[in-house]
Amino acid sequence: RQLRDGFSDRPESFPWSLGLCGMRDVRDYK
């Protein structure tokens, strides 16, 4: 929710680009 809420405000007070780092591809998360 926070990612989607801040997306429209880029680049003001929100990252222009975002990388998620973890043990799995994000598409595997449910």
PDB file of all heavy atoms in Angstrom:
ATOM      1  N   ARG A   1       0.834  -1.213   0.000  1.00  0.00           N
ATOM      2  CA  ARG A   1       0.000   0.000   0.000  1.00  0.00           C
ATOM      3  C   ARG A   1       0.871   1.266   0.000  1.00  0.00           C
ATOM      4  O   ARG A   1       0.578   2.248  -0.676  1.00  0.00           O
ATOM      5  CB  ARG A   1      -0.928  -0.011   1.219  1.00  0.00           C
ATOM      6  CG  ARG A   1      -2.013  -1.088   1.153  1.00  0.00           C
ATOM      7  CD  ARG A   1      -3.019  -0.912   2.291  1.00  0.00           C
ATOM      8  NE  ARG A   1      -3.958  -2.025   2.327  1.00  0.00           N
ATOM      9  CZ  ARG A   1      -3.953  -2.990   3.245  1.00  0.00           C
ATOM     10  NH1 ARG A   1      -3.051  -2.972   4.204  1.00  0.00           N
ATOM     11  NH2 ARG A   1      -4.836  -3.952   3.205  1.00  0.00           N
ATOM     12  N   GLN A   2       1.955   1.241   0.792  1.00  0.00           N
ATOM     13  CA  GLN A   2       2.837   2.405   0.852  1.00  0.00           C
ATOM     14  C   GLN A   2       3.550   2.631  -0.474  1.00  0.00           C
ATOM     15  O   GLN A   2       3.718   3.777  -0.922  1.00  0.00           O
ATOM     16  CB  GLN A   2       3.860   2.209   1.976  1.00  0.00           C
ATOM     17  CG  GLN A   2       3.243   2.222   3.369  1.00  0.00           C
ATOM     18  CD  GLN A   2       4.270   1.929   4.438  1.00  0.00           C
ATOM     19  OE1 GLN A   2       5.201   2.699   4.638  1.00  0.00           O
ATOM     20  NE2 GLN A   2       4.098   0.816   5.144  1.00  0.00           N
ATOM     21  N   LEU A   3       3.956   1.551  -1.133  1.00  0.00           N
ATOM     22  CA  LEU A   3       4.619   1.679  -2.427  1.00  0.00           C
ATOM     23  C   LEU A   3       3.670   2.296  -3.443  1.00  0.00           C
ATOM     24  O   LEU A   3       4.053   3.183  -4.219  1.00  0.00           O
ATOM     25  CB  LEU A   3       5.105   0.308  -2.918  1.00  0.00           C
ATOM     26  CG  LEU A   3       6.217  -0.372  -2.107  1.00  0.00           C
ATOM     27  CD1 LEU A   3       6.597  -1.703  -2.745  1.00  0.00           C
ATOM     28  CD2 LEU A   3       7.439   0.518  -1.999  1.00  0.00           C
ATOM     29  N   ARG A   4       2.449   1.835  -3.464  1.00  0.00           N
ATOM     30  CA  ARG A   4       1.491   2.335  -4.457  1.00  0.00           C
ATOM     31  C   ARG A   4       1.037   3.763  -4.138  1.00  0.00           C
ATOM     32  O   ARG A   4       0.783   4.560  -5.036  1.00  0.00           O
ATOM     33  CB  ARG A   4       0.299   1.377  -4.517  1.00  0.00           C
ATOM     34  CG  ARG A   4       0.680   0.063  -5.204  1.00  0.00           C
ATOM     35  CD  ARG A   4      -0.360  -1.011  -5.075  1.00  0.00           C
ATOM     36  NE  ARG A   4       0.072  -2.218  -5.803  1.00  0.00           N
ATOM     37  CZ  ARG A   4      -0.452  -3.410  -5.623  1.00  0.00           C
ATOM     38  NH1 ARG A   4      -1.425  -3.583  -4.748  1.00  0.00           N
ATOM     39  NH2 ARG A   4      -0.018  -4.441  -6.320  1.00  0.00           N
ATOM     40  N   ASP A   5       0.956   4.063  -2.848  1.00  0.00           N
ATOM     41  CA  ASP A   5       0.536   5.409  -2.460  1.00  0.00           C
ATOM     42  C   ASP A   5       1.602   6.443  -2.831  1.00  0.00           C
ATOM     43  O   ASP A   5       1.288   7.554  -3.266  1.00  0.00           O
ATOM     44  CB  ASP A   5       0.270   5.446  -0.953  1.00  0.00           C
ATOM     45  CG  ASP A   5      -0.215   6.812  -0.504  1.00  0.00           C
ATOM     46  OD1 ASP A   5      -1.297   7.229  -0.960  1.00  0.00           O
ATOM     47  OD2 ASP A   5       0.490   7.451   0.289  1.00  0.00           O
ATOM     48  N   GLY A   6       2.871   6.078  -2.653  1.00  0.00           N
ATOM     49  CA  GLY A   6       3.941   7.036  -2.930  1.00  0.00           C
ATOM     50  C   GLY A   6       4.336   7.118  -4.387  1.00  0.00           C
ATOM     51  O   GLY A   6       5.002   8.071  -4.801  1.00  0.00           O
ATOM     52  N   PHE A   7       3.904   6.137  -5.188  1.00  0.00           N
ATOM     53  CA  PHE A   7       4.342   6.062  -6.588  1.00  0.00           C
ATOM     54  C   PHE A   7       3.991   7.331  -7.370  1.00  0.00           C
ATOM     55  O   PHE A   7       4.813   7.859  -8.126  1.00  0.00           O
ATOM     56  CB  PHE A   7       3.696   4.841  -7.239  1.00  0.00           C
ATOM     57  CG  PHE A   7       4.070   4.659  -8.687  1.00  0.00           C
ATOM     58  CD1 PHE A   7       5.269   4.062  -9.040  1.00  0.00           C
ATOM     59  CD2 PHE A   7       3.227   5.092  -9.694  1.00  0.00           C
ATOM     60  CE1 PHE A   7       5.613   3.902 -10.372  1.00  0.00           C
ATOM     61  CE2 PHE A   7       3.564   4.931 -11.032  1.00  0.00           C
ATOM     62  CZ  PHE A   7       4.764   4.332 -11.369  1.00  0.00           C
ATOM     63  N   SER A   8       2.792   7.856  -7.170  1.00  0.00           N
ATOM     64  CA  SER A   8       2.348   9.004  -7.967  1.00  0.00           C
ATOM     65  C   SER A   8       3.071  10.294  -7.591  1.00  0.00           C
ATOM     66  O   SER A   8       3.020  11.276  -8.343  1.00  0.00           O
ATOM     67  CB  SER A   8       0.834   9.193  -7.805  1.00  0.00           C
ATOM     68  OG  SER A   8       0.522   9.407  -6.440  1.00  0.00           O
ATOM     69  N   ASP A   9       3.737  10.331  -6.424  1.00  0.00           N
ATOM     70  CA  ASP A   9       4.442  11.539  -5.983  1.00  0.00           C
ATOM     71  C   ASP A   9       5.899  11.587  -6.431  1.00  0.00           C
ATOM     72  O   ASP A   9       6.599  12.553  -6.121  1.00  0.00           O
ATOM     73  CB  ASP A   9       4.390  11.640  -4.450  1.00  0.00           C
ATOM     74  CG  ASP A   9       2.979  11.806  -3.931  1.00  0.00           C
ATOM     75  OD1 ASP A   9       2.157  12.377  -4.665  1.00  0.00           O
ATOM     76  OD2 ASP A   9       2.705  11.358  -2.795  1.00  0.00           O
ATOM     77  N   ARG A  10       6.351  10.562  -7.101  1.00  0.00           N
ATOM     78  CA  ARG A  10       7.771  10.558  -7.502  1.00  0.00           C
ATOM     79  C   ARG A  10       8.082  11.777  -8.363  1.00  0.00           C
ATOM     80  O   ARG A  10       7.247  12.171  -9.195  1.00  0.00           O
ATOM     81  CB  ARG A  10       8.095   9.296  -8.302  1.00  0.00           C
ATOM     82  CG  ARG A  10       7.989   8.003  -7.528  1.00  0.00           C
ATOM     83  CD  ARG A  10       8.368   6.815  -8.404  1.00  0.00           C
ATOM     84  NE  ARG A  10       7.631   6.862  -9.682  1.00  0.00           N
ATOM     85  CZ  ARG A  10       8.090   6.315 -10.814  1.00  0.00           C
ATOM     86  NH1 ARG A  10       9.250   5.704 -10.839  1.00  0.00           N
ATOM     87  NH2 ARG A  10       7.374   6.376 -11.927  1.00  0.00           N
ATOM     88  N   PRO A  11       9.257  12.429  -8.208  1.00  0.00           N
ATOM     89  CA  PRO A  11      10.323  12.068  -7.249  1.00  0.00           C
ATOM     90  C   PRO A  11      10.249  12.851  -5.948  1.00  0.00           C
ATOM     91  O   PRO A  11      11.246  12.923  -5.233  1.00  0.00           O
ATOM     92  CB  PRO A  11      11.577  12.448  -8.031  1.00  0.00           C
ATOM     93  CG  PRO A  11      11.145  13.662  -8.801  1.00  0.00           C
ATOM     94  CD  PRO A  11       9.695  13.443  -9.156  1.00  0.00           C
ATOM     95  N   GLU A  12       9.109  13.463  -5.638  1.00  0.00           N
ATOM     96  CA  GLU A  12       8.980  14.237  -4.405  1.00  0.00           C
ATOM     97  C   GLU A  12       8.705  13.304  -3.220  1.00  0.00           C
ATOM     98  O   GLU A  12       7.700  12.613  -3.192  1.00  0.00           O
ATOM     99  CB  GLU A  12       7.828  15.250  -4.538  1.00  0.00           C
ATOM    100  CG  GLU A  12       8.008  16.261  -5.659  1.00  0.00           C
ATOM    101  CD  GLU A  12       9.200  17.158  -5.433  1.00  0.00           C
ATOM    102  OE1 GLU A  12       9.525  17.399  -4.258  1.00  0.00           O
ATOM    103  OE2 GLU A  12       9.823  17.617  -6.423  1.00  0.00           O
ATOM    104  N   SER A  13       9.592  13.326  -2.232  1.00  0.00           N
ATOM    105  CA  SER A  13       9.410  12.575  -0.976  1.00  0.00           C
ATOM    106  C   SER A  13       9.187  11.084  -1.197  1.00  0.00           C
ATOM    107  O   SER A  13       8.529  10.419  -0.393  1.00  0.00           O
ATOM    108  CB  SER A  13       8.231  13.162  -0.180  1.00  0.00           C
ATOM    109  OG  SER A  13       8.414  14.539   0.050  1.00  0.00           O
ATOM    110  N   PHE A  14       9.709  10.566  -2.297  1.00  0.00           N
ATOM    111  CA  PHE A  14       9.551   9.127  -2.550  1.00  0.00           C
ATOM    112  C   PHE A  14      10.617   8.701  -3.558  1.00  0.00           C
ATOM    113  O   PHE A  14      10.955   9.464  -4.474  1.00  0.00           O
ATOM    114  CB  PHE A  14       8.154   8.816  -3.102  1.00  0.00           C
ATOM    115  CG  PHE A  14       7.790   7.357  -2.970  1.00  0.00           C
ATOM    116  CD1 PHE A  14       7.357   6.850  -1.745  1.00  0.00           C
ATOM    117  CD2 PHE A  14       7.881   6.492  -4.054  1.00  0.00           C
ATOM    118  CE1 PHE A  14       7.021   5.510  -1.620  1.00  0.00           C
ATOM    119  CE2 PHE A  14       7.555   5.149  -3.930  1.00  0.00           C
ATOM    120  CZ  PHE A  14       7.119   4.662  -2.713  1.00  0.00           C
ATOM    121  N   PRO A  15      11.156   7.504  -3.415  1.00  0.00           N
ATOM    122  CA  PRO A  15      12.203   7.055  -4.336  1.00  0.00           C
ATOM    123  C   PRO A  15      11.707   7.028  -5.783  1.00  0.00           C
ATOM    124  O   PRO A  15      10.574   6.624  -6.051  1.00  0.00           O
ATOM    125  CB  PRO A  15      12.548   5.650  -3.840  1.00  0.00           C
ATOM    126  CG  PRO A  15      12.089   5.613  -2.419  1.00  0.00           C
ATOM    127  CD  PRO A  15      10.891   6.509  -2.357  1.00  0.00           C
ATOM    128  N   TRP A  16      12.583   7.450  -6.698  1.00  0.00           N
ATOM    129  CA  TRP A  16      12.258   7.366  -8.110  1.00  0.00           C
ATOM    130  C   TRP A  16      12.311   5.909  -8.582  1.00  0.00           C
ATOM    131  O   TRP A  16      11.521   5.474  -9.408  1.00  0.00           O
ATOM    132  CB  TRP A  16      13.247   8.215  -8.911  1.00  0.00           C
ATOM    133  CG  TRP A  16      12.997   8.154 -10.390  1.00  0.00           C
ATOM    134  CD1 TRP A  16      13.655   7.397 -11.315  1.00  0.00           C
ATOM    135  CD2 TRP A  16      12.005   8.867 -11.122  1.00  0.00           C
ATOM    136  NE1 TRP A  16      13.138   7.594 -12.564  1.00  0.00           N
ATOM    137  CE2 TRP A  16      12.112   8.504 -12.478  1.00  0.00           C
ATOM    138  CE3 TRP A  16      11.021   9.807 -10.744  1.00  0.00           C
ATOM    139  CZ2 TRP A  16      11.282   9.030 -13.473  1.00  0.00           C
ATOM    140  CZ3 TRP A  16      10.214  10.330 -11.747  1.00  0.00           C
ATOM    141  CH2 TRP A  16      10.347   9.944 -13.090  1.00  0.00           C
ATOM    142  N   SER A  17      13.254   5.174  -8.029  1.00  0.00           N
ATOM    143  CA  SER A  17      13.406   3.772  -8.418  1.00  0.00           C
ATOM    144  C   SER A  17      13.578   2.933  -7.156  1.00  0.00           C
ATOM    145  O   SER A  17      14.146   3.390  -6.169  1.00  0.00           O
ATOM    146  CB  SER A  17      14.622   3.599  -9.333  1.00  0.00           C
ATOM    147  OG  SER A  17      14.808   2.250  -9.688  1.00  0.00           O
ATOM    148  N   LEU A  18      13.080   1.713  -7.195  1.00  0.00           N
ATOM    149  CA  LEU A  18      13.102   0.872  -5.999  1.00  0.00           C
ATOM    150  C   LEU A  18      13.531  -0.544  -6.371  1.00  0.00           C
ATOM    151  O   LEU A  18      13.036  -1.113  -7.350  1.00  0.00           O
ATOM    152  CB  LEU A  18      11.707   0.837  -5.364  1.00  0.00           C
ATOM    153  CG  LEU A  18      11.588   0.166  -3.984  1.00  0.00           C
ATOM    154  CD1 LEU A  18      12.298   1.006  -2.929  1.00  0.00           C
ATOM    155  CD2 LEU A  18      10.125  -0.003  -3.620  1.00  0.00           C
ATOM    156  N   GLY A  19      14.455  -1.080  -5.605  1.00  0.00           N
ATOM    157  CA  GLY A  19      14.870  -2.469  -5.799  1.00  0.00           C
ATOM    158  C   GLY A  19      14.566  -3.271  -4.550  1.00  0.00           C
ATOM    159  O   GLY A  19      14.862  -2.836  -3.433  1.00  0.00           O
ATOM    160  N   LEU A  20      13.955  -4.417  -4.712  1.00  0.00           N
ATOM    161  CA  LEU A  20      13.655  -5.299  -3.581  1.00  0.00           C
ATOM    162  C   LEU A  20      14.636  -6.462  -3.611  1.00  0.00           C
ATOM    163  O   LEU A  20      14.801  -7.115  -4.636  1.00  0.00           O
ATOM    164  CB  LEU A  20      12.219  -5.821  -3.666  1.00  0.00           C
ATOM    165  CG  LEU A  20      11.115  -4.756  -3.654  1.00  0.00           C
ATOM    166  CD1 LEU A  20       9.743  -5.403  -3.717  1.00  0.00           C
ATOM    167  CD2 LEU A  20      11.229  -3.880  -2.415  1.00  0.00           C
ATOM    168  N   CYS A  21      15.278  -6.707  -2.487  1.00  0.00           N
ATOM    169  CA  CYS A  21      16.293  -7.754  -2.389  1.00  0.00           C
ATOM    170  C   CYS A  21      15.820  -8.831  -1.424  1.00  0.00           C
ATOM    171  O   CYS A  21      15.431  -8.535  -0.294  1.00  0.00           O
ATOM    172  CB  CYS A  21      17.612  -7.156  -1.918  1.00  0.00           C
ATOM    173  SG  CYS A  21      18.938  -8.350  -1.764  1.00  0.00           S
ATOM    174  N   GLY A  22      15.831 -10.066  -1.855  1.00  0.00           N
ATOM    175  CA  GLY A  22      15.409 -11.156  -0.977  1.00  0.00           C
ATOM    176  C   GLY A  22      15.878 -12.489  -1.510  1.00  0.00           C
ATOM    177  O   GLY A  22      16.680 -12.556  -2.447  1.00  0.00           O
ATOM    178  N   MET A  23      15.370 -13.539  -0.906  1.00  0.00           N
ATOM    179  CA  MET A  23      15.790 -14.884  -1.302  1.00  0.00           C
ATOM    180  C   MET A  23      14.998 -15.430  -2.487  1.00  0.00           C
ATOM    181  O   MET A  23      15.350 -16.452  -3.052  1.00  0.00           O
ATOM    182  CB  MET A  23      15.640 -15.849  -0.119  1.00  0.00           C
ATOM    183  CG  MET A  23      16.636 -15.600   0.990  1.00  0.00           C
ATOM    184  SD  MET A  23      16.513 -16.852   2.271  1.00  0.00           S
ATOM    185  CE  MET A  23      17.938 -16.464   3.263  1.00  0.00           C
ATOM    186  N   ARG A  24      13.894 -14.750  -2.840  1.00  0.00           N
ATOM    187  CA  ARG A  24      13.061 -15.253  -3.919  1.00  0.00           C
ATOM    188  C   ARG A  24      12.690 -14.124  -4.867  1.00  0.00           C
ATOM    189  O   ARG A  24      12.729 -12.950  -4.513  1.00  0.00           O
ATOM    190  CB  ARG A  24      11.770 -15.872  -3.366  1.00  0.00           C
ATOM    191  CG  ARG A  24      11.985 -16.892  -2.278  1.00  0.00           C
ATOM    192  CD  ARG A  24      10.787 -17.806  -2.164  1.00  0.00           C
ATOM    193  NE  ARG A  24      10.713 -18.708  -3.308  1.00  0.00           N
ATOM    194  CZ  ARG A  24       9.692 -19.534  -3.533  1.00  0.00           C
ATOM    195  NH1 ARG A  24       8.655 -19.525  -2.730  1.00  0.00           N
ATOM    196  NH2 ARG A  24       9.692 -20.335  -4.564  1.00  0.00           N
ATOM    197  N   ASP A  25      12.295 -14.497  -6.068  1.00  0.00           N
ATOM    198  CA  ASP A  25      11.729 -13.535  -7.003  1.00  0.00           C
ATOM    199  C   ASP A  25      10.438 -12.995  -6.392  1.00  0.00           C
ATOM    200  O   ASP A  25       9.636 -13.753  -5.834  1.00  0.00           O
ATOM    201  CB  ASP A  25      11.428 -14.250  -8.328  1.00  0.00           C
ATOM    202  CG  ASP A  25      11.061 -13.282  -9.441  1.00  0.00           C
ATOM    203  OD1 ASP A  25      10.185 -12.424  -9.202  1.00  0.00           O
ATOM    204  OD2 ASP A  25      11.623 -13.398 -10.536  1.00  0.00           O
ATOM    205  N   VAL A  26      10.214 -11.676  -6.510  1.00  0.00           N
ATOM    206  CA  VAL A  26       9.015 -11.092  -5.883  1.00  0.00           C
ATOM    207  C   VAL A  26       7.732 -11.691  -6.446  1.00  0.00           C
ATOM    208  O   VAL A  26       6.704 -11.708  -5.767  1.00  0.00           O
ATOM    209  CB  VAL A  26       8.988  -9.554  -6.043  1.00  0.00           C
ATOM    210  CG1 VAL A  26      10.108  -8.918  -5.255  1.00  0.00           C
ATOM    211  CG2 VAL A  26       9.064  -9.154  -7.508  1.00  0.00           C
ATOM    212  N   ARG A  27       7.775 -12.178  -7.692  1.00  0.00           N
ATOM    213  CA  ARG A  27       6.566 -12.757  -8.266  1.00  0.00           C
ATOM    214  C   ARG A  27       6.185 -14.070  -7.597  1.00  0.00           C
ATOM    215  O   ARG A  27       5.077 -14.576  -7.811  1.00  0.00           O
ATOM    216  CB  ARG A  27       6.754 -12.988  -9.773  1.00  0.00           C
ATOM    217  CG  ARG A  27       6.911 -11.704 -10.578  1.00  0.00           C
ATOM    218  CD  ARG A  27       5.696 -10.788 -10.416  1.00  0.00           C
ATOM    219  NE  ARG A  27       4.474 -11.385 -10.915  1.00  0.00           N
ATOM    220  CZ  ARG A  27       4.039 -11.292 -12.169  1.00  0.00           C
ATOM    221  NH1 ARG A  27       4.757 -10.623 -13.049  1.00  0.00           N
ATOM    222  NH2 ARG A  27       2.909 -11.856 -12.522  1.00  0.00           N
ATOM    223  N   ASP A  28       7.098 -14.642  -6.779  1.00  0.00           N
ATOM    224  CA  ASP A  28       6.784 -15.884  -6.069  1.00  0.00           C
ATOM    225  C   ASP A  28       6.066 -15.637  -4.754  1.00  0.00           C
ATOM    226  O   ASP A  28       5.625 -16.581  -4.099  1.00  0.00           O
ATOM    227  CB  ASP A  28       8.074 -16.675  -5.782  1.00  0.00           C
ATOM    228  CG  ASP A  28       8.666 -17.271  -7.047  1.00  0.00           C
ATOM    229  OD1 ASP A  28       7.893 -17.509  -7.991  1.00  0.00           O
ATOM    230  OD2 ASP A  28       9.889 -17.482  -7.095  1.00  0.00           O
ATOM    231  N   TYR A  29       5.962 -14.378  -4.337  1.00  0.00           N
ATOM    232  CA  TYR A  29       5.307 -14.084  -3.068  1.00  0.00           C
ATOM    233  C   TYR A  29       3.802 -14.082  -3.236  1.00  0.00           C
ATOM    234  O   TYR A  29       3.258 -13.566  -4.209  1.00  0.00           O
ATOM    235  CB  TYR A  29       5.772 -12.730  -2.522  1.00  0.00           C
ATOM    236  CG  TYR A  29       7.122 -12.792  -1.865  1.00  0.00           C
ATOM    237  CD1 TYR A  29       8.280 -12.616  -2.608  1.00  0.00           C
ATOM    238  CD2 TYR A  29       7.247 -13.069  -0.510  1.00  0.00           C
ATOM    239  CE1 TYR A  29       9.528 -12.688  -2.018  1.00  0.00           C
ATOM    240  CE2 TYR A  29       8.489 -13.139   0.092  1.00  0.00           C
ATOM    241  CZ  TYR A  29       9.624 -12.953  -0.673  1.00  0.00           C
ATOM    242  OH  TYR A  29      10.858 -13.041  -0.081  1.00  0.00           O
ATOM    243  N   LYS A  30       3.122 -14.652  -2.265  1.00  0.00           N
ATOM    244  CA  LYS A  30       1.672 -14.685  -2.247  1.00  0.00           C
ATOM    245  C   LYS A  30       1.207 -14.188  -0.885  1.00  0.00           C
ATOM    246  O   LYS A  30       1.947 -14.223   0.096  1.00  0.00           O
ATOM    247  CB  LYS A  30       1.149 -16.108  -2.488  1.00  0.00           C
ATOM    248  CG  LYS A  30       1.571 -16.709  -3.826  1.00  0.00           C
ATOM    249  CD  LYS A  30       1.033 -18.120  -3.970  1.00  0.00           C
ATOM    250  CE  LYS A  30       1.408 -18.718  -5.316  1.00  0.00           C
ATOM    251  NZ  LYS A  30       2.843 -18.958  -5.442  1.00  0.00           N
TER     252      LYS A  30
END
